């Protein structure tokens, strides 16, 4: 068994943990995973290592709320060295990562559309750096520092990457989504390449492509899609969550 491996619980490194989807995932699955919740500013609305609940009538009693808490790590992943820091902290705390959920994203809709080239290009690089570059940098760091030397355990633990994409990667929607959608389409293709290349390490990679949530589908349903992809053995899939 690899260092820190816990047969009863999986370790999840979750970016964008303070978003509605991050909070929904933490609430639903903190009893199943040891979650390293990576946040820039907002934290998930769940108990963390920074707090402890006490019954004033029985201060020594163990409360269920303290049983499973997320491990919050504050980080701006766009800043130099922060990807490495986050991965290293997760490995130092739990010894391994079974599930990487790349949920952090950048979205800025440019409603004038592609005819306004200067406006479109103003955020072009950031869309791709955050929505494509960060998922690969996190997965690559884990592959280099942990998964590459743990192939047997990778297969036994069914370790994998789930990249949170969007249905806009394959459909045309109005409202200035072109560059955002293009970055998510690139993320889908990156996921397929990760699945092919990480297979030698015994690590899977899949993407989740939800429609608008919670407008068209419940955020909790999208969170279930992440758990579904983690529980399966498929690799290279883009799972659509549509209304």
C-alpha atoms as a PDB file:
ATOM      1  CA  UNK A   1       0.000   0.000   0.000  1.00  0.00           C
ATOM      2  CA  UNK A   2       1.443   3.413  -0.955  1.00  0.00           C
ATOM      3  CA  UNK A   3       2.295   6.000   1.706  1.00  0.00           C
ATOM      4  CA  UNK A   4      -0.833   7.549   3.173  1.00  0.00           C
ATOM      5  CA  UNK A   5      -3.219   5.271   1.293  1.00  0.00           C
ATOM      6  CA  UNK A   6      -6.541   4.833   3.076  1.00  0.00           C
ATOM      7  CA  UNK A   7      -8.575   1.911   1.748  1.00  0.00           C
ATOM      8  CA  UNK A   8     -11.858   3.251   3.133  1.00  0.00           C
ATOM      9  CA  UNK A   9     -11.659   6.794   1.749  1.00  0.00           C
ATOM     10  CA  UNK A  10     -10.448   8.407  -1.434  1.00  0.00           C
ATOM     11  CA  UNK A  11      -8.378  11.581  -1.585  1.00  0.00           C
ATOM     12  CA  UNK A  12      -9.746  14.285  -3.890  1.00  0.00           C
ATOM     13  CA  UNK A  13      -7.901  17.418  -4.968  1.00  0.00           C
ATOM     14  CA  UNK A  14     -10.633  19.859  -6.002  1.00  0.00           C
ATOM     15  CA  UNK A  15      -9.969  23.254  -7.564  1.00  0.00           C
ATOM     16  CA  UNK A  16     -12.582  25.980  -7.690  1.00  0.00           C
ATOM     17  CA  UNK A  17     -13.861  24.580  -4.418  1.00  0.00           C
ATOM     18  CA  UNK A  18     -15.606  27.785  -3.388  1.00  0.00           C
ATOM     19  CA  UNK A  19     -17.828  27.847  -6.474  1.00  0.00           C
ATOM     20  CA  UNK A  20     -21.427  26.587  -6.352  1.00  0.00           C
ATOM     21  CA  UNK A  21     -20.332  23.293  -7.929  1.00  0.00           C
ATOM     22  CA  UNK A  22     -17.388  22.986  -5.545  1.00  0.00           C
ATOM     23  CA  UNK A  23     -19.625  23.529  -2.544  1.00  0.00           C
ATOM     24  CA  UNK A  24     -22.230  21.072  -3.857  1.00  0.00           C
ATOM     25  CA  UNK A  25     -19.562  18.401  -4.359  1.00  0.00           C
ATOM     26  CA  UNK A  26     -18.086  18.956  -0.900  1.00  0.00           C
ATOM     27  CA  UNK A  27     -21.491  18.813   0.784  1.00  0.00           C
ATOM     28  CA  UNK A  28     -22.500  15.641  -1.010  1.00  0.00           C
ATOM     29  CA  UNK A  29     -19.230  13.700  -0.819  1.00  0.00           C
ATOM     30  CA  UNK A  30     -17.170  14.862   2.157  1.00  0.00           C
ATOM     31  CA  UNK A  31     -18.101  11.594   3.855  1.00  0.00           C
ATOM     32  CA  UNK A  32     -16.645   9.640   0.917  1.00  0.00           C
ATOM     33  CA  UNK A  33     -13.504  11.641   0.143  1.00  0.00           C
ATOM     34  CA  UNK A  34     -10.735  13.408   1.993  1.00  0.00           C
ATOM     35  CA  UNK A  35     -11.078  16.647   0.036  1.00  0.00           C
ATOM     36  CA  UNK A  36      -8.300  19.146  -0.495  1.00  0.00           C
ATOM     37  CA  UNK A  37     -10.439  22.176  -1.347  1.00  0.00           C
ATOM     38  CA  UNK A  38      -8.428  24.723  -3.321  1.00  0.00           C
ATOM     39  CA  UNK A  39      -9.862  28.249  -3.105  1.00  0.00           C
ATOM     40  CA  UNK A  40      -8.698  31.664  -4.190  1.00  0.00           C
ATOM     41  CA  UNK A  41     -11.148  33.738  -2.123  1.00  0.00           C
ATOM     42  CA  UNK A  42     -14.440  31.939  -1.480  1.00  0.00           C
ATOM     43  CA  UNK A  43     -14.415  28.748   0.549  1.00  0.00           C
ATOM     44  CA  UNK A  44     -16.991  25.955   0.250  1.00  0.00           C
ATOM     45  CA  UNK A  45     -19.870  26.287   2.681  1.00  0.00           C
ATOM     46  CA  UNK A  46     -18.910  23.170   4.638  1.00  0.00           C
ATOM     47  CA  UNK A  47     -16.825  22.544   7.789  1.00  0.00           C
ATOM     48  CA  UNK A  48     -13.071  22.805   7.267  1.00  0.00           C
ATOM     49  CA  UNK A  49      -9.917  22.303   9.315  1.00  0.00           C
ATOM     50  CA  UNK A  50     -10.196  25.925  10.424  1.00  0.00           C
ATOM     51  CA  UNK A  51     -13.278  25.320  12.559  1.00  0.00           C
ATOM     52  CA  UNK A  52     -14.613  22.877  15.102  1.00  0.00           C
ATOM     53  CA  UNK A  53     -18.183  22.506  16.333  1.00  0.00           C
ATOM     54  CA  UNK A  54     -18.877  22.254  20.069  1.00  0.00           C
ATOM     55  CA  UNK A  55     -22.070  21.404  21.906  1.00  0.00           C
ATOM     56  CA  UNK A  56     -22.201  23.994  24.734  1.00  0.00           C
ATOM     57  CA  UNK A  57     -24.109  21.525  26.890  1.00  0.00           C
ATOM     58  CA  UNK A  58     -21.567  18.777  26.325  1.00  0.00           C
ATOM     59  CA  UNK A  59     -18.256  20.357  25.267  1.00  0.00           C
ATOM     60  CA  UNK A  60     -16.389  17.047  25.294  1.00  0.00           C
ATOM     61  CA  UNK A  61     -18.895  15.233  23.078  1.00  0.00           C
ATOM     62  CA  UNK A  62     -17.899  14.217  19.561  1.00  0.00           C
ATOM     63  CA  UNK A  63     -20.180  15.809  16.977  1.00  0.00           C
ATOM     64  CA  UNK A  64     -20.919  14.394  13.551  1.00  0.00           C
ATOM     65  CA  UNK A  65     -20.082  17.770  11.971  1.00  0.00           C
ATOM     66  CA  UNK A  66     -16.461  17.292  13.038  1.00  0.00           C
ATOM     67  CA  UNK A  67     -16.171  13.800  11.625  1.00  0.00           C
ATOM     68  CA  UNK A  68     -15.376  14.792   8.055  1.00  0.00           C
ATOM     69  CA  UNK A  69     -14.076  18.236   7.186  1.00  0.00           C
ATOM     70  CA  UNK A  70     -12.528  19.510   3.988  1.00  0.00           C
ATOM     71  CA  UNK A  71      -8.915  20.617   4.025  1.00  0.00           C
ATOM     72  CA  UNK A  72      -8.941  24.159   2.625  1.00  0.00           C
ATOM     73  CA  UNK A  73      -5.898  25.464   0.768  1.00  0.00           C
ATOM     74  CA  UNK A  74      -5.906  29.103  -0.312  1.00  0.00           C
ATOM     75  CA  UNK A  75      -4.152  29.615  -3.634  1.00  0.00           C
ATOM     76  CA  UNK A  76      -4.304  31.754  -6.752  1.00  0.00           C
ATOM     77  CA  UNK A  77      -3.409  29.107  -9.279  1.00  0.00           C
ATOM     78  CA  UNK A  78      -2.617  31.711 -11.925  1.00  0.00           C
ATOM     79  CA  UNK A  79       0.377  32.887  -9.906  1.00  0.00           C
ATOM     80  CA  UNK A  80       3.838  31.330 -10.356  1.00  0.00           C
ATOM     81  CA  UNK A  81       4.559  28.336  -8.137  1.00  0.00           C
ATOM     82  CA  UNK A  82       1.014  27.901  -6.839  1.00  0.00           C
ATOM     83  CA  UNK A  83       0.180  24.763  -8.845  1.00  0.00           C
ATOM     84  CA  UNK A  84       3.272  23.069  -7.473  1.00  0.00           C
ATOM     85  CA  UNK A  85       2.533  24.288  -3.952  1.00  0.00           C
ATOM     86  CA  UNK A  86      -1.042  22.974  -3.999  1.00  0.00           C
ATOM     87  CA  UNK A  87      -0.080  19.532  -5.277  1.00  0.00           C
ATOM     88  CA  UNK A  88       2.803  19.268  -2.825  1.00  0.00           C
ATOM     89  CA  UNK A  89       0.550  20.246   0.094  1.00  0.00           C
ATOM     90  CA  UNK A  90      -2.056  17.646  -0.889  1.00  0.00           C
ATOM     91  CA  UNK A  91       0.595  14.927  -1.097  1.00  0.00           C
ATOM     92  CA  UNK A  92       2.178  15.999   2.186  1.00  0.00           C
ATOM     93  CA  UNK A  93      -1.206  15.945   3.946  1.00  0.00           C
ATOM     94  CA  UNK A  94      -2.633  12.697   2.573  1.00  0.00           C
ATOM     95  CA  UNK A  95       0.246  10.879   0.881  1.00  0.00           C
ATOM     96  CA  UNK A  96      -1.512  10.468  -2.469  1.00  0.00           C
ATOM     97  CA  UNK A  97      -4.311  11.849  -4.641  1.00  0.00           C
ATOM     98  CA  UNK A  98      -6.893   9.459  -6.075  1.00  0.00           C
ATOM     99  CA  UNK A  99      -9.089  11.994  -7.862  1.00  0.00           C
ATOM    100  CA  UNK A 100      -8.130  15.346  -9.366  1.00  0.00           C
ATOM    101  CA  UNK A 101     -11.154  17.522 -10.175  1.00  0.00           C
ATOM    102  CA  UNK A 102     -10.215  20.489 -12.348  1.00  0.00           C
ATOM    103  CA  UNK A 103     -13.174  22.732 -11.632  1.00  0.00           C
ATOM    104  CA  UNK A 104     -11.492  26.155 -11.527  1.00  0.00           C
ATOM    105  CA  UNK A 105     -12.331  28.143 -14.646  1.00  0.00           C
ATOM    106  CA  UNK A 106     -12.296  31.602 -16.159  1.00  0.00           C
ATOM    107  CA  UNK A 107     -15.384  32.937 -17.914  1.00  0.00           C
ATOM    108  CA  UNK A 108     -15.889  36.348 -19.450  1.00  0.00           C
ATOM    109  CA  UNK A 109     -18.564  36.616 -22.100  1.00  0.00           C
ATOM    110  CA  UNK A 110     -17.956  39.155 -24.833  1.00  0.00           C
ATOM    111  CA  UNK A 111     -21.418  40.079 -26.051  1.00  0.00           C
ATOM    112  CA  UNK A 112     -20.375  42.101 -29.138  1.00  0.00           C
ATOM    113  CA  UNK A 113     -19.073  38.778 -30.446  1.00  0.00           C
ATOM    114  CA  UNK A 114     -16.284  37.861 -32.822  1.00  0.00           C
ATOM    115  CA  UNK A 115     -16.751  40.948 -34.989  1.00  0.00           C
ATOM    116  CA  UNK A 116     -15.092  42.929 -32.184  1.00  0.00           C
ATOM    117  CA  UNK A 117     -11.687  41.330 -32.554  1.00  0.00           C
ATOM    118  CA  UNK A 118      -9.870  43.554 -30.079  1.00  0.00           C
ATOM    119  CA  UNK A 119     -12.406  42.837 -27.357  1.00  0.00           C
ATOM    120  CA  UNK A 120     -12.362  39.107 -28.035  1.00  0.00           C
ATOM    121  CA  UNK A 121      -8.567  38.884 -27.957  1.00  0.00           C
ATOM    122  CA  UNK A 122      -8.296  40.857 -24.712  1.00  0.00           C
ATOM    123  CA  UNK A 123      -9.252  37.745 -22.718  1.00  0.00           C
ATOM    124  CA  UNK A 124      -8.199  35.073 -25.191  1.00  0.00           C
ATOM    125  CA  UNK A 125      -4.953  34.042 -23.505  1.00  0.00           C
ATOM    126  CA  UNK A 126      -6.437  33.976 -20.011  1.00  0.00           C
ATOM    127  CA  UNK A 127      -9.322  31.725 -21.078  1.00  0.00           C
ATOM    128  CA  UNK A 128      -6.894  29.148 -22.435  1.00  0.00           C
ATOM    129  CA  UNK A 129      -4.330  29.534 -19.645  1.00  0.00           C
ATOM    130  CA  UNK A 130      -6.930  28.864 -16.928  1.00  0.00           C
ATOM    131  CA  UNK A 131      -9.361  26.521 -18.676  1.00  0.00           C
ATOM    132  CA  UNK A 132      -6.793  24.368 -20.484  1.00  0.00           C
ATOM    133  CA  UNK A 133      -3.367  25.146 -19.077  1.00  0.00           C
ATOM    134  CA  UNK A 134      -4.165  24.787 -15.380  1.00  0.00           C
ATOM    135  CA  UNK A 135      -5.868  21.368 -15.727  1.00  0.00           C
ATOM    136  CA  UNK A 136      -2.813  20.040 -17.526  1.00  0.00           C
ATOM    137  CA  UNK A 137      -0.336  21.639 -15.147  1.00  0.00           C
ATOM    138  CA  UNK A 138      -2.083  20.111 -12.128  1.00  0.00           C
ATOM    139  CA  UNK A 139      -2.394  16.685 -13.728  1.00  0.00           C
ATOM    140  CA  UNK A 140       1.170  16.857 -14.995  1.00  0.00           C
ATOM    141  CA  UNK A 141       2.503  17.791 -11.566  1.00  0.00           C
ATOM    142  CA  UNK A 142       0.682  14.853  -9.990  1.00  0.00           C
ATOM    143  CA  UNK A 143       1.956  12.532 -12.712  1.00  0.00           C
ATOM    144  CA  UNK A 144       5.547  13.648 -12.197  1.00  0.00           C
ATOM    145  CA  UNK A 145       5.632  13.721  -8.408  1.00  0.00           C
ATOM    146  CA  UNK A 146       3.336  10.846  -7.447  1.00  0.00           C
ATOM    147  CA  UNK A 147       1.553   8.794 -10.081  1.00  0.00           C
ATOM    148  CA  UNK A 148       4.595   7.956 -12.209  1.00  0.00           C
ATOM    149  CA  UNK A 149       6.135   5.938  -9.360  1.00  0.00           C
ATOM    150  CA  UNK A 150       2.902   4.382  -8.091  1.00  0.00           C
ATOM    151  CA  UNK A 151       1.485   2.500 -11.094  1.00  0.00           C
ATOM    152  CA  UNK A 152       0.280  -0.565  -9.190  1.00  0.00           C
ATOM    153  CA  UNK A 153      -1.559   1.545  -6.635  1.00  0.00           C
ATOM    154  CA  UNK A 154      -2.916   3.813  -9.384  1.00  0.00           C
ATOM    155  CA  UNK A 155      -4.694   0.857 -10.945  1.00  0.00           C
ATOM    156  CA  UNK A 156      -5.814  -0.576  -7.623  1.00  0.00           C
ATOM    157  CA  UNK A 157      -7.166   2.788  -6.478  1.00  0.00           C
ATOM    158  CA  UNK A 158      -8.730   3.555  -9.895  1.00  0.00           C
ATOM    159  CA  UNK A 159      -7.088   6.969  -9.858  1.00  0.00           C
ATOM    160  CA  UNK A 160      -8.277   9.520 -12.338  1.00  0.00           C
ATOM    161  CA  UNK A 161      -8.718  13.087 -13.512  1.00  0.00           C
ATOM    162  CA  UNK A 162     -12.102  14.733 -14.050  1.00  0.00           C
ATOM    163  CA  UNK A 163     -11.964  17.964 -16.036  1.00  0.00           C
ATOM    164  CA  UNK A 164     -15.076  20.115 -15.713  1.00  0.00           C
ATOM    165  CA  UNK A 165     -15.873  21.272 -19.234  1.00  0.00           C
ATOM    166  CA  UNK A 166     -19.092  22.675 -20.682  1.00  0.00           C
ATOM    167  CA  UNK A 167     -21.774  21.760 -23.189  1.00  0.00           C
ATOM    168  CA  UNK A 168     -20.795  24.954 -25.001  1.00  0.00           C
ATOM    169  CA  UNK A 169     -17.669  23.094 -26.152  1.00  0.00           C
ATOM    170  CA  UNK A 170     -19.781  21.254 -28.713  1.00  0.00           C
ATOM    171  CA  UNK A 171     -22.811  23.528 -29.211  1.00  0.00           C
ATOM    172  CA  UNK A 172     -23.310  27.112 -30.347  1.00  0.00           C
ATOM    173  CA  UNK A 173     -24.927  29.416 -27.810  1.00  0.00           C
ATOM    174  CA  UNK A 174     -25.526  33.174 -28.088  1.00  0.00           C
ATOM    175  CA  UNK A 175     -24.204  35.779 -25.710  1.00  0.00           C
ATOM    176  CA  UNK A 176     -20.535  36.049 -26.622  1.00  0.00           C
ATOM    177  CA  UNK A 177     -19.350  32.602 -25.555  1.00  0.00           C
ATOM    178  CA  UNK A 178     -17.031  31.922 -28.499  1.00  0.00           C
ATOM    179  CA  UNK A 179     -13.646  32.105 -26.759  1.00  0.00           C
ATOM    180  CA  UNK A 180     -14.881  30.436 -23.578  1.00  0.00           C
ATOM    181  CA  UNK A 181     -16.443  27.668 -25.662  1.00  0.00           C
ATOM    182  CA  UNK A 182     -13.259  27.238 -27.695  1.00  0.00           C
ATOM    183  CA  UNK A 183     -11.238  26.834 -24.495  1.00  0.00           C
ATOM    184  CA  UNK A 184     -13.628  24.155 -23.256  1.00  0.00           C
ATOM    185  CA  UNK A 185     -13.470  22.357 -26.600  1.00  0.00           C
ATOM    186  CA  UNK A 186      -9.691  22.364 -26.219  1.00  0.00           C
ATOM    187  CA  UNK A 187     -10.111  20.981 -22.696  1.00  0.00           C
ATOM    188  CA  UNK A 188     -12.180  18.091 -24.064  1.00  0.00           C
ATOM    189  CA  UNK A 189      -9.429  17.216 -26.536  1.00  0.00           C
ATOM    190  CA  UNK A 190      -6.761  17.604 -23.856  1.00  0.00           C
ATOM    191  CA  UNK A 191      -8.754  15.154 -21.735  1.00  0.00           C
ATOM    192  CA  UNK A 192      -8.669  12.564 -24.516  1.00  0.00           C
ATOM    193  CA  UNK A 193      -4.907  12.936 -24.801  1.00  0.00           C
ATOM    194  CA  UNK A 194      -4.517  12.675 -21.024  1.00  0.00           C
ATOM    195  CA  UNK A 195      -6.557   9.461 -21.121  1.00  0.00           C
ATOM    196  CA  UNK A 196      -4.303   8.029 -23.825  1.00  0.00           C
ATOM    197  CA  UNK A 197      -0.992   9.058 -22.278  1.00  0.00           C
ATOM    198  CA  UNK A 198      -1.801   8.493 -18.594  1.00  0.00           C
ATOM    199  CA  UNK A 199      -3.031   4.972 -19.358  1.00  0.00           C
ATOM    200  CA  UNK A 200       0.556   3.759 -19.016  1.00  0.00           C
ATOM    201  CA  UNK A 201       0.471   5.034 -15.423  1.00  0.00           C
ATOM    202  CA  UNK A 202      -2.826   3.304 -14.673  1.00  0.00           C
ATOM    203  CA  UNK A 203      -4.578   6.695 -14.412  1.00  0.00           C
ATOM    204  CA  UNK A 204      -7.811   7.573 -16.201  1.00  0.00           C
ATOM    205  CA  UNK A 205      -9.012  10.962 -17.485  1.00  0.00           C
ATOM    206  CA  UNK A 206     -12.538  12.073 -18.338  1.00  0.00           C
ATOM    207  CA  UNK A 207     -14.440  15.319 -18.795  1.00  0.00           C
ATOM    208  CA  UNK A 208     -17.824  16.452 -17.561  1.00  0.00           C
ATOM    209  CA  UNK A 209     -19.808  18.716 -19.903  1.00  0.00           C
ATOM    210  CA  UNK A 210     -22.855  20.194 -18.150  1.00  0.00           C
ATOM    211  CA  UNK A 211     -25.365  22.598 -19.565  1.00  0.00           C
ATOM    212  CA  UNK A 212     -26.129  25.772 -17.607  1.00  0.00           C
ATOM    213  CA  UNK A 213     -26.551  25.105 -13.892  1.00  0.00           C
ATOM    214  CA  UNK A 214     -28.549  25.667 -11.774  1.00  0.00           C
ATOM    215  CA  UNK A 215     -30.673  27.315 -14.494  1.00  0.00           C
ATOM    216  CA  UNK A 216     -31.298  24.172 -16.553  1.00  0.00           C
ATOM    217  CA  UNK A 217     -29.970  21.378 -14.357  1.00  0.00           C
ATOM    218  CA  UNK A 218     -29.442  21.224 -10.605  1.00  0.00           C
ATOM    219  CA  UNK A 219     -25.901  21.841  -9.409  1.00  0.00           C
ATOM    220  CA  UNK A 220     -26.176  18.686  -7.296  1.00  0.00           C
ATOM    221  CA  UNK A 221     -26.766  16.672 -10.455  1.00  0.00           C
ATOM    222  CA  UNK A 222     -23.531  18.008 -11.941  1.00  0.00           C
ATOM    223  CA  UNK A 223     -21.706  17.076  -8.734  1.00  0.00           C
ATOM    224  CA  UNK A 224     -23.096  13.546  -9.087  1.00  0.00           C
ATOM    225  CA  UNK A 225     -21.588  13.427 -12.560  1.00  0.00           C
ATOM    226  CA  UNK A 226     -18.127  13.929 -11.074  1.00  0.00           C
ATOM    227  CA  UNK A 227     -18.688  11.103  -8.603  1.00  0.00           C
ATOM    228  CA  UNK A 228     -20.065   8.900 -11.397  1.00  0.00           C
ATOM    229  CA  UNK A 229     -16.955   9.361 -13.524  1.00  0.00           C
ATOM    230  CA  UNK A 230     -14.783   8.591 -10.510  1.00  0.00           C
ATOM    231  CA  UNK A 231     -16.678   5.390  -9.738  1.00  0.00           C
ATOM    232  CA  UNK A 232     -16.522   4.055 -13.307  1.00  0.00           C
ATOM    233  CA  UNK A 233     -13.547   2.530 -15.112  1.00  0.00           C
ATOM    234  CA  UNK A 234     -14.003   4.386 -18.415  1.00  0.00           C
ATOM    235  CA  UNK A 235     -11.333   6.746 -19.715  1.00  0.00           C
ATOM    236  CA  UNK A 236     -11.427   9.385 -22.447  1.00  0.00           C
ATOM    237  CA  UNK A 237     -15.161  10.037 -22.026  1.00  0.00           C
ATOM    238  CA  UNK A 238     -16.921  13.400 -22.180  1.00  0.00           C
ATOM    239  CA  UNK A 239     -20.014  12.934 -20.012  1.00  0.00           C
ATOM    240  CA  UNK A 240     -22.812  15.327 -20.980  1.00  0.00           C
ATOM    241  CA  UNK A 241     -25.193  16.556 -18.281  1.00  0.00           C
ATOM    242  CA  UNK A 242     -28.108  18.096 -20.157  1.00  0.00           C
ATOM    243  CA  UNK A 243     -31.637  19.107 -19.311  1.00  0.00           C
END
